[in-house]
Protein backbone atom coordinates (compact mmCIF):
# COMPACT_ATOMS: atom_id res chain seq x y z
CA MET A 1 0.00 0.00 0.00
CA PRO A 2 1.51 3.36 -0.99
CA SER A 3 2.34 5.79 1.77
CA ARG A 4 0.21 8.84 2.47
CA VAL A 5 0.97 12.23 3.96
CA GLU A 6 -1.23 11.27 6.93
CA ASP A 7 1.18 8.44 7.78
CA TYR A 8 3.76 11.01 8.96
CA GLU A 9 3.78 13.72 11.62
CA VAL A 10 5.64 16.96 10.83
CA LEU A 11 7.84 18.04 13.74
CA TYR A 12 9.40 21.25 12.41
CA THR A 13 10.90 22.83 9.31
CA ILE A 14 14.67 22.42 8.92
CA GLY A 15 15.09 24.74 5.93
CA SER A 16 13.25 26.25 3.00
CA GLY A 17 14.03 27.68 -0.42
CA SER A 18 12.60 28.34 -3.84
CA TYR A 19 12.12 24.61 -4.43
CA GLY A 20 10.04 24.07 -1.29
CA LYS A 21 10.74 22.99 2.29
CA CYS A 22 12.79 20.39 4.13
CA GLN A 23 10.99 19.18 7.27
CA LYS A 24 11.77 16.81 10.08
CA ILE A 25 9.02 14.20 10.41
CA ARG A 26 8.06 11.18 12.50
CA ARG A 27 6.65 8.01 10.97
CA LYS A 28 3.51 7.15 12.94
CA SER A 29 3.75 3.39 12.42
CA ASP A 30 7.02 2.94 14.35
CA GLY A 31 8.03 6.43 15.52
CA LYS A 32 11.13 6.57 13.29
CA ILE A 33 12.53 10.07 12.73
CA LEU A 34 13.01 10.99 9.04
CA VAL A 35 13.02 14.07 6.81
CA TRP A 36 11.16 14.87 3.66
CA LYS A 37 11.66 17.40 0.89
CA GLU A 38 8.36 19.04 0.09
CA LEU A 39 8.45 20.16 -3.54
CA ASP A 40 5.71 22.03 -5.39
CA TYR A 41 5.92 20.66 -8.93
CA GLY A 42 2.86 22.60 -10.10
CA THR A 43 4.93 25.73 -10.79
CA MET A 44 7.89 23.88 -12.33
CA ALA A 45 8.81 23.93 -15.98
CA GLU A 46 8.93 20.66 -17.85
CA ALA A 47 12.74 20.52 -17.63
CA GLU A 48 12.61 21.01 -13.85
CA LYS A 49 10.03 18.25 -13.53
CA GLN A 50 12.27 15.94 -15.51
CA MET A 51 15.19 16.82 -13.23
CA LEU A 52 13.00 16.06 -10.20
CA VAL A 53 12.03 12.66 -11.58
CA SER A 54 15.70 11.92 -12.24
CA GLU A 55 16.60 12.79 -8.64
CA VAL A 56 13.94 10.47 -7.25
CA ASN A 57 15.04 7.62 -9.49
CA LEU A 58 18.68 8.19 -8.55
CA LEU A 59 17.93 8.17 -4.83
CA ARG A 60 16.06 4.89 -5.21
CA GLU A 61 19.03 3.28 -6.99
CA LEU A 62 21.92 4.67 -4.91
CA LYS A 63 22.28 2.49 -1.83
CA HIS A 64 25.47 3.09 0.12
CA PRO A 65 26.33 3.67 3.81
CA ASN A 66 27.75 7.12 2.95
CA ILE A 67 24.84 8.29 0.78
CA VAL A 68 21.67 9.67 2.34
CA ARG A 69 19.19 6.80 2.26
CA TYR A 70 15.98 7.12 0.27
CA TYR A 71 12.85 5.69 1.94
CA ASP A 72 9.74 6.69 0.01
CA ARG A 73 8.02 9.24 -2.21
CA ILE A 74 4.50 10.59 -1.85
CA ILE A 75 2.66 12.38 -4.66
CA ASP A 76 -0.14 14.70 -3.58
CA ARG A 77 -1.83 15.43 -6.92
CA THR A 78 -4.49 17.59 -5.30
CA ASN A 79 -1.88 20.12 -4.12
CA THR A 80 0.66 19.28 -6.88
CA THR A 81 3.22 18.47 -4.19
CA LEU A 82 5.90 15.79 -4.14
CA TYR A 83 7.33 14.52 -0.83
CA ILE A 84 10.69 12.71 -0.93
CA VAL A 85 11.16 10.83 2.38
CA MET A 86 14.83 10.36 3.29
CA GLU A 87 17.16 9.50 6.15
CA TYR A 88 17.48 12.05 8.96
CA CYS A 89 21.07 13.10 9.75
CA GLU A 90 21.04 14.47 13.28
CA GLY A 91 24.65 15.71 13.07
CA GLY A 92 23.76 18.54 10.65
CA ASP A 93 25.81 19.48 7.59
CA LEU A 94 29.46 20.43 7.13
CA SER A 95 28.54 24.04 6.38
CA SER A 96 27.16 24.47 9.91
CA LEU A 97 30.23 22.74 11.32
CA ILE A 98 32.58 25.11 9.47
CA MET A 99 30.62 28.15 10.70
CA LYS A 100 30.86 26.90 14.27
CA CYS A 101 34.64 26.43 13.93
CA ILE A 102 34.96 30.00 12.63
CA GLN A 103 32.98 31.31 15.60
CA ASP A 104 35.02 29.24 18.07
CA ARG A 105 38.28 30.20 16.28
CA ARG A 106 39.48 26.63 16.05
CA TYR A 107 40.52 24.26 13.26
CA LEU A 108 39.22 20.78 12.62
CA GLU A 109 41.51 17.87 13.40
CA GLU A 110 43.32 16.28 10.43
CA GLU A 111 41.95 12.91 11.51
CA PHE A 112 38.39 14.17 10.98
CA VAL A 113 39.30 15.68 7.57
CA LEU A 114 40.85 12.38 6.43
CA ARG A 115 37.82 10.42 7.59
CA VAL A 116 35.53 12.79 5.65
CA MET A 117 37.78 12.37 2.60
CA THR A 118 37.61 8.57 2.90
CA GLN A 119 33.86 8.34 3.25
CA LEU A 120 33.12 10.91 0.55
CA SER A 121 35.50 9.12 -1.83
CA LEU A 122 33.67 5.85 -1.17
CA ALA A 123 30.34 7.58 -1.85
CA LEU A 124 31.68 9.08 -5.12
CA LYS A 125 33.04 5.69 -6.11
CA GLU A 126 29.53 4.29 -5.83
CA CYS A 127 28.31 7.12 -8.08
CA HIS A 128 31.14 7.03 -10.65
CA ARG A 129 31.66 3.26 -10.78
CA ARG A 130 28.29 1.69 -10.13
CA ARG A 131 28.60 -1.76 -8.58
CA ASN A 132 25.43 -2.99 -10.27
CA GLY A 133 26.69 -1.98 -13.71
CA GLY A 134 24.52 1.12 -13.89
CA SER A 135 25.42 4.38 -15.61
CA THR A 136 27.92 6.86 -14.16
CA VAL A 137 26.34 9.52 -11.96
CA LEU A 138 27.88 12.99 -11.57
CA HIS A 139 26.81 14.80 -8.44
CA ARG A 140 27.77 18.24 -9.83
CA ASP A 141 26.95 20.09 -6.60
CA LEU A 142 29.47 18.92 -4.02
CA LYS A 143 29.62 21.53 -1.25
CA PRO A 144 29.59 21.55 2.57
CA ALA A 145 25.83 22.26 2.71
CA ASN A 146 25.14 19.00 0.84
CA ILE A 147 27.32 16.81 3.06
CA PHE A 148 25.59 15.59 6.21
CA LEU A 149 26.67 13.86 9.43
CA ASP A 150 24.73 11.21 11.29
CA GLY A 151 24.73 10.65 15.05
CA LYS A 152 28.07 8.81 14.89
CA GLN A 153 29.70 11.56 12.80
CA ASN A 154 29.66 9.42 9.66
CA VAL A 155 29.48 11.32 6.36
CA LYS A 156 26.35 11.14 4.21
CA LEU A 157 26.35 12.54 0.68
CA GLY A 158 22.99 14.07 -0.18
CA ASP A 159 21.01 16.43 -2.42
CA PHE A 160 21.28 14.87 -5.89
CA GLY A 161 19.01 17.54 -7.38
CA LEU A 162 21.65 18.58 -9.94
CA ALA A 163 23.04 15.11 -10.57
CA ARG A 164 23.53 14.00 -14.15
CA ILE A 165 23.60 10.45 -15.52
CA LEU A 166 26.25 9.60 -18.12
CA ASN A 167 25.51 6.50 -20.15
CA HIS A 168 29.19 5.79 -20.80
CA ASP A 169 32.45 6.56 -19.07
CA THR A 170 33.61 8.55 -22.10
CA SER A 171 30.54 10.79 -22.08
CA PHE A 172 30.79 14.44 -21.10
CA ALA A 173 28.21 16.82 -19.69
CA LYS A 174 27.94 20.41 -20.85
CA THR A 175 25.27 21.99 -18.62
CA PHE A 176 26.32 25.00 -16.52
CA VAL A 177 25.13 24.02 -13.02
CA GLY A 178 26.49 23.94 -9.49
CA THR A 179 27.74 26.35 -6.84
CA PRO A 180 30.38 28.81 -8.19
CA TYR A 181 32.86 28.42 -5.30
CA TYR A 182 33.22 24.69 -5.99
CA MET A 183 32.84 24.79 -9.79
CA SER A 184 35.60 23.25 -11.88
CA PRO A 185 37.58 25.24 -14.53
CA GLU A 186 36.00 23.25 -17.36
CA GLN A 187 32.55 24.18 -16.07
CA MET A 188 33.58 27.83 -15.83
CA ASN A 189 34.86 27.68 -19.40
CA ARG A 190 31.59 26.12 -20.60
CA MET A 191 33.50 23.05 -21.70
CA SER A 192 32.59 19.40 -21.52
CA TYR A 193 33.27 17.73 -18.17
CA ASN A 194 33.10 14.31 -16.58
CA GLU A 195 33.56 12.75 -13.12
CA LYS A 196 36.88 14.61 -12.67
CA SER A 197 34.74 17.71 -12.15
CA ASP A 198 33.40 16.10 -8.96
CA ILE A 199 37.03 15.47 -7.89
CA TRP A 200 37.72 19.23 -8.22
CA SER A 201 34.64 20.01 -6.09
CA LEU A 202 35.74 17.42 -3.53
CA GLY A 203 39.16 19.07 -3.36
CA CYS A 204 37.55 22.49 -2.78
CA LEU A 205 35.36 21.04 -0.04
CA LEU A 206 38.27 19.36 1.77
CA TYR A 207 40.35 22.53 1.40
CA GLU A 208 37.57 24.50 3.12
CA LEU A 209 37.45 21.96 5.96
CA CYS A 210 41.14 22.67 6.59
CA ALA A 211 41.31 26.44 5.95
CA LEU A 212 37.68 27.22 6.96
CA SER A 213 37.26 29.08 3.65
CA PRO A 214 37.09 27.98 -0.02
CA PRO A 215 40.36 27.97 -2.04
CA PHE A 216 38.93 30.56 -4.46
CA THR A 217 36.99 33.57 -3.18
CA ALA A 218 36.02 36.84 -4.85
CA ARG A 219 33.61 39.73 -4.59
CA ASN A 220 31.74 38.81 -7.78
CA GLN A 221 31.30 35.84 -10.07
CA LYS A 222 33.49 37.24 -12.86
CA GLU A 223 36.46 37.70 -10.54
CA LEU A 224 35.81 34.26 -9.08
CA ALA A 225 35.82 32.69 -12.53
CA GLU A 226 39.17 34.32 -13.30
CA LYS A 227 40.72 32.99 -10.10
CA ILE A 228 39.43 29.49 -10.78
CA ARG A 229 40.81 29.57 -14.34
CA GLU A 230 44.15 30.75 -12.96
CA GLY A 231 44.11 27.90 -10.41
CA LYS A 232 46.29 29.57 -7.75
CA PHE A 233 45.46 29.19 -4.07
CA ARG A 234 47.24 29.42 -0.73
CA ARG A 235 48.55 26.39 1.09
CA ILE A 236 46.31 24.94 3.77
CA PRO A 237 47.40 25.82 7.35
CA TYR A 238 50.73 24.27 8.31
CA ARG A 239 49.11 22.34 11.15
CA TYR A 240 48.07 19.86 8.44
CA SER A 241 50.52 17.39 6.93
CA GLU A 242 52.40 17.87 3.66
CA GLU A 243 50.85 14.63 2.33
CA LEU A 244 47.36 16.07 2.72
CA ASN A 245 48.38 19.36 1.09
CA SER A 246 49.96 17.49 -1.82
CA LEU A 247 46.85 15.37 -2.39
CA LEU A 248 44.61 18.45 -2.35
CA SER A 249 46.90 20.19 -4.83
CA ARG A 250 46.56 17.24 -7.22
CA MET A 251 42.77 17.26 -6.82
CA LEU A 252 42.73 21.00 -7.68
CA HIS A 253 44.84 20.64 -10.82
CA LEU A 254 43.65 22.77 -13.74
CA LYS A 255 43.92 19.87 -16.20
CA ASP A 256 41.24 17.36 -15.40
CA TYR A 257 43.16 14.35 -16.71
CA LEU A 258 45.93 15.04 -14.18
CA ARG A 259 43.55 14.94 -11.25
CA PRO A 260 43.42 11.64 -9.35
CA SER A 261 40.47 9.35 -9.82
CA VAL A 262 38.40 8.12 -6.90
CA GLU A 263 40.30 4.83 -6.98
CA SER A 264 43.65 6.66 -6.78
CA ILE A 265 42.48 8.65 -3.78
CA LEU A 266 41.31 5.49 -2.01
CA GLN A 267 44.68 3.82 -2.68
CA SER A 268 46.58 6.68 -1.03
CA SER A 269 48.66 5.67 1.99
CA LEU A 270 47.36 8.77 3.74
CA ILE A 271 43.95 7.21 4.30
CA SER A 272 44.82 3.49 4.25
CA ASP A 273 43.95 3.06 7.93
CA TYR A 274 40.56 4.70 7.42
CA ILE A 275 39.89 2.50 4.39
CA ALA A 276 40.59 -0.59 6.53
CA GLU A 277 38.22 0.72 9.19
CA GLU A 278 35.47 1.26 6.61
CA GLN A 279 36.01 -2.23 5.24
CA ARG A 280 35.59 -3.69 8.72
CA LYS A 281 32.36 -1.77 9.10
CA HIS A 282 31.18 -3.03 5.70
CA GLU A 283 31.99 -6.64 6.62
CA GLY A 284 30.15 -6.25 9.92
CA ARG A 285 27.09 -4.91 8.12
CA ALA A 286 27.27 -7.77 5.61
CA ARG A 287 27.43 -10.35 8.41
CA ARG A 288 24.49 -8.77 10.19
CA LYS A 289 22.54 -8.67 6.94
CA SER A 290 23.29 -12.32 6.12
CA SER A 291 22.29 -13.42 9.62
CA ASP A 292 19.16 -11.30 9.68
CA PRO A 293 16.70 -14.16 8.86
CA GLU A 294 18.26 -16.44 11.46
CA ARG A 295 18.43 -13.62 13.98
CA ALA A 296 14.83 -12.69 13.25
CA ALA A 297 13.72 -16.29 13.83
CA ARG A 298 15.67 -16.47 17.09
CA ALA A 299 14.30 -13.11 18.16
CA GLU A 300 10.76 -14.27 17.37
CA GLN A 301 11.25 -17.46 19.37
CA SER A 302 12.70 -15.47 22.24
CA VAL A 303 9.78 -13.06 22.16
CA SER A 304 7.29 -15.94 22.08
CA ALA A 305 9.00 -17.64 25.02
CA GLY A 306 9.04 -14.37 26.93
CA LEU A 307 5.34 -13.85 26.26
CA ARG A 308 4.54 -17.36 27.47
CA VAL A 309 6.49 -16.81 30.68
CA LYS A 310 4.75 -13.48 31.25
CA GLU A 311 1.36 -15.12 30.63
CA GLN A 312 2.15 -17.86 33.17
CA VAL A 313 3.27 -15.27 35.73
CA LEU A 314 0.07 -13.28 35.20
CA ARG A 315 -2.04 -16.41 35.67
CA GLU A 316 -0.26 -17.27 38.92
CA ARG A 317 -0.71 -13.72 40.16
CA GLU A 318 -4.40 -13.84 39.27
CA ARG A 319 -4.81 -17.13 41.13
CA ALA A 320 -2.98 -15.74 44.16
CA LEU A 321 -5.20 -12.65 44.14
CA LYS A 322 -8.35 -14.81 44.02
CA GLU A 323 -7.13 -16.90 46.96
CA ARG A 324 -6.32 -13.78 48.92
CA GLU A 325 -9.75 -12.34 48.17
CA GLU A 326 -11.39 -15.55 49.40
CA ARG A 327 -9.34 -15.43 52.61
CA LEU A 328 -10.32 -11.81 53.14
CA GLU A 329 -14.01 -12.62 52.65
CA GLN A 330 -13.77 -15.50 55.12
CA ARG A 331 -12.00 -13.25 57.61
CA GLU A 332 -14.71 -10.64 57.16
CA GLN A 333 -17.40 -13.21 57.88
CA GLU A 334 -15.58 -14.29 61.05
CA LEU A 335 -15.27 -10.69 62.18
CA CYS A 336 -18.98 -10.12 61.52
CA ALA A 337 -19.86 -13.21 63.60
CA ARG A 338 -17.61 -12.02 66.44
CA GLU A 339 -19.22 -8.61 66.22
CA ARG A 340 -22.70 -10.13 66.62
CA LEU A 341 -21.50 -12.24 69.57
CA THR A 342 -19.95 -9.17 71.17
CA ASN A 343 -23.16 -7.20 70.78
CA GLU A 344 -25.17 -10.03 72.36
CA LYS A 345 -22.79 -10.27 75.32
CA LEU A 346 -22.88 -6.54 75.75
CA ALA A 347 -26.68 -6.59 75.75
CA ARG A 348 -26.71 -9.31 78.44
CA ALA A 349 -24.27 -7.32 80.55
CA GLU A 350 -26.43 -4.22 80.28
CA SER A 351 -29.48 -6.32 81.25
CA LEU A 352 -27.67 -7.62 84.36
CA LEU A 353 -26.66 -4.11 85.30
CA LYS A 354 -30.26 -2.93 85.03
CA SER A 355 -31.41 -5.89 87.16
CA TYR A 356 -28.87 -5.03 89.82
CA ASN A 357 -29.88 -1.39 89.92
CA LEU A 358 -33.54 -2.39 90.22
CA LEU A 359 -32.68 -4.75 93.08
CA ARG A 360 -30.86 -2.00 94.93
CA GLN A 361 -33.85 0.27 94.58
CA GLN A 362 -36.09 -2.47 95.98
CA ARG A 363 -33.73 -2.96 98.95
CA ALA A 364 -33.70 0.74 99.66
CA LEU A 365 -37.52 0.70 99.84
CA SER A 366 -37.72 -2.52 101.94
CA PRO A 367 -38.31 -2.02 105.79
CA LEU A 368 -36.12 -5.00 106.58
CA CYS A 369 -33.14 -3.66 104.70
CA PRO A 370 -30.38 -2.29 106.94
CA SER A 371 -29.05 1.17 106.26
CA ASP A 372 -26.00 1.38 103.97
CA THR A 373 -24.43 3.90 106.27
CA ASP A 374 -24.94 2.11 109.58
CA GLU A 375 -24.95 -1.66 109.33
CA GLY A 376 -24.76 -2.01 113.16
CA THR A 377 -28.26 -0.55 113.80
CA GLN A 378 -31.60 -2.27 113.15
CA CYS A 379 -33.94 -1.34 110.32
CA SER A 380 -36.86 -0.26 112.61
CA PRO A 381 -36.74 1.67 115.90
CA GLY A 382 -38.12 0.01 119.10
CA PRO A 383 -37.23 -1.06 122.56
CA LYS A 384 -33.71 -2.18 123.20
CA VAL A 385 -33.19 -5.82 122.35
CA VAL A 386 -31.68 -7.99 125.07
CA ARG A 387 -28.91 -10.11 123.56
CA PHE A 388 -28.26 -13.61 124.91
CA VAL A 389 -25.15 -15.68 124.70
CA GLY A 390 -25.32 -18.73 122.52
CA GLU A 391 -27.39 -19.76 119.56
CA HIS A 392 -30.64 -18.37 120.76
CA LYS A 393 -33.28 -17.42 118.28
CA GLU A 394 -33.36 -13.86 119.55
CA ASN A 395 -29.65 -13.47 118.88
CA GLN A 396 -30.18 -14.17 115.16
CA ARG A 397 -31.46 -11.94 112.32
CA PRO A 398 -34.75 -12.67 110.71
CA GLU A 399 -34.64 -15.20 107.84
CA ARG A 400 -35.89 -12.77 105.26
CA ALA A 401 -33.12 -10.25 105.92
CA GLN A 402 -30.51 -13.01 105.73
CA CYS A 403 -31.82 -14.14 102.33
CA VAL A 404 -31.74 -10.60 101.03
CA ARG A 405 -28.12 -10.23 102.19
CA THR A 406 -27.10 -13.45 100.49
CA GLN A 407 -28.81 -12.41 97.29
CA GLU A 408 -27.08 -9.03 97.45
CA VAL A 409 -23.64 -10.64 97.76
CA GLU A 410 -24.38 -12.91 94.83
CA LEU A 411 -25.53 -9.99 92.73
CA MET A 412 -22.39 -8.03 93.62
CA LYS A 413 -20.23 -10.90 92.41
CA ARG A 414 -22.23 -11.16 89.19
CA LEU A 415 -22.01 -7.39 88.74
CA ARG A 416 -18.22 -7.41 89.07
CA ALA A 417 -17.99 -10.31 86.65
CA ALA A 418 -20.32 -8.52 84.23
CA THR A 419 -18.25 -5.35 84.52
CA ARG A 420 -15.09 -7.24 83.68
CA ARG A 421 -16.81 -8.88 80.72
CA VAL A 422 -18.10 -5.51 79.53
CA GLN A 423 -14.54 -4.14 79.61
CA ALA A 424 -13.19 -7.17 77.74
CA LEU A 425 -15.97 -6.96 75.16
CA SER A 426 -15.33 -3.25 74.72
CA GLU A 427 -11.68 -4.00 73.93
CA VAL A 428 -12.71 -6.75 71.50
CA ASP A 429 -15.18 -4.38 69.85
CA THR A 430 -12.48 -1.70 69.47
CA ASN A 431 -10.06 -4.21 67.92
CA HIS A 432 -12.83 -5.49 65.67
CA GLN A 433 -13.63 -2.00 64.37
CA LEU A 434 -9.90 -1.36 63.68
CA LYS A 435 -9.55 -4.63 61.76
CA CYS A 436 -12.71 -3.89 59.79
CA ARG A 437 -11.30 -0.55 58.70
CA GLN A 438 -8.01 -2.24 57.68
CA LEU A 439 -9.93 -4.90 55.77
CA HIS A 440 -11.99 -2.30 53.88
CA ALA A 441 -8.79 -0.40 53.07
CA ILE A 442 -7.20 -3.57 51.65
CA ARG A 443 -10.23 -4.28 49.48
């Protein structure tokens, strides 16, 4: 299914020009960060449309680690807009890097310059000597603004808008295109040119990385053209090696046939270590690519196993939660039963207390009840009682008073026992209420 504009989310605009806009986007399906060039082809001439089609076809064919990767194209016929979706290079371009070095008043390290030379030469080799037997591609617009850096500071050659396809190695282009500062003498002279023109532009670019300014500068294009035709430039700063200066001088030779080819540059001892490093990276990528199906199968098996383990863990946790819920419900039932029992006991204790109070009131109203304040006196006044020694009937209290006293003692004992039970039940009730609140909080 072809992609749509709705499949991407625009984050912000990176740059804009007469051709359109370059925007940073996010692919909604997987969140991958990309960029797209938004081009309005409705206002383009037929030649410009043809050039745009050529760029899209070139980007689809050119697949190299040091060339900006092409992902997709979207044609919005309603708004006559073409979107070219490409790799996002978070490191920016070399033009921004050079400006920052000028502001910081510092030079780039020779190691970085040589690594840029190596990776750009490999990218140009892919263009000039196609591995799949395709036609030679001239970039024709090599400049710092078209060279990008990824997150690992690897070089990515981009913007093939002015690229030209040559059907044979002996073919020459004649169109006057490109940026004047990096234009070769044959282009300035309106002569035929080939891939050696890209070598001149590469030399100008590397020179600017070292000197932080192009080898040929002028106040106007006519003066610039004269300086380029003359071919004289200052040596790069002496902090850089003589081997690098010599190689740049050969790349900026006025006669194109005396400039080194891409293969000659890559065979230079100056960058042999970097070539070996790039080869190791290429072999590592090839191994990863060859093992991708096997790795994908292993990854799928691992994911499936992980999902099964997670499912089993979730089932066990669910079972444990159910068991815990059952225990909590059983505990709640037990607490409810204890609460009912406590209420019943408390009701009985209150009933006993009421009975005791009623009995005391009855005793206070009874004529045979002795006074609580003076137990030594009799309940009713009368003549003085003569007391006899021994177990005489007159020396004993009446039977009814004795029964009342016995009943009072028994009730006092029961009252004390009931009081103790009331206190114990009150403590149980307090603990029960606390546990009920904890139980409700857990649930």
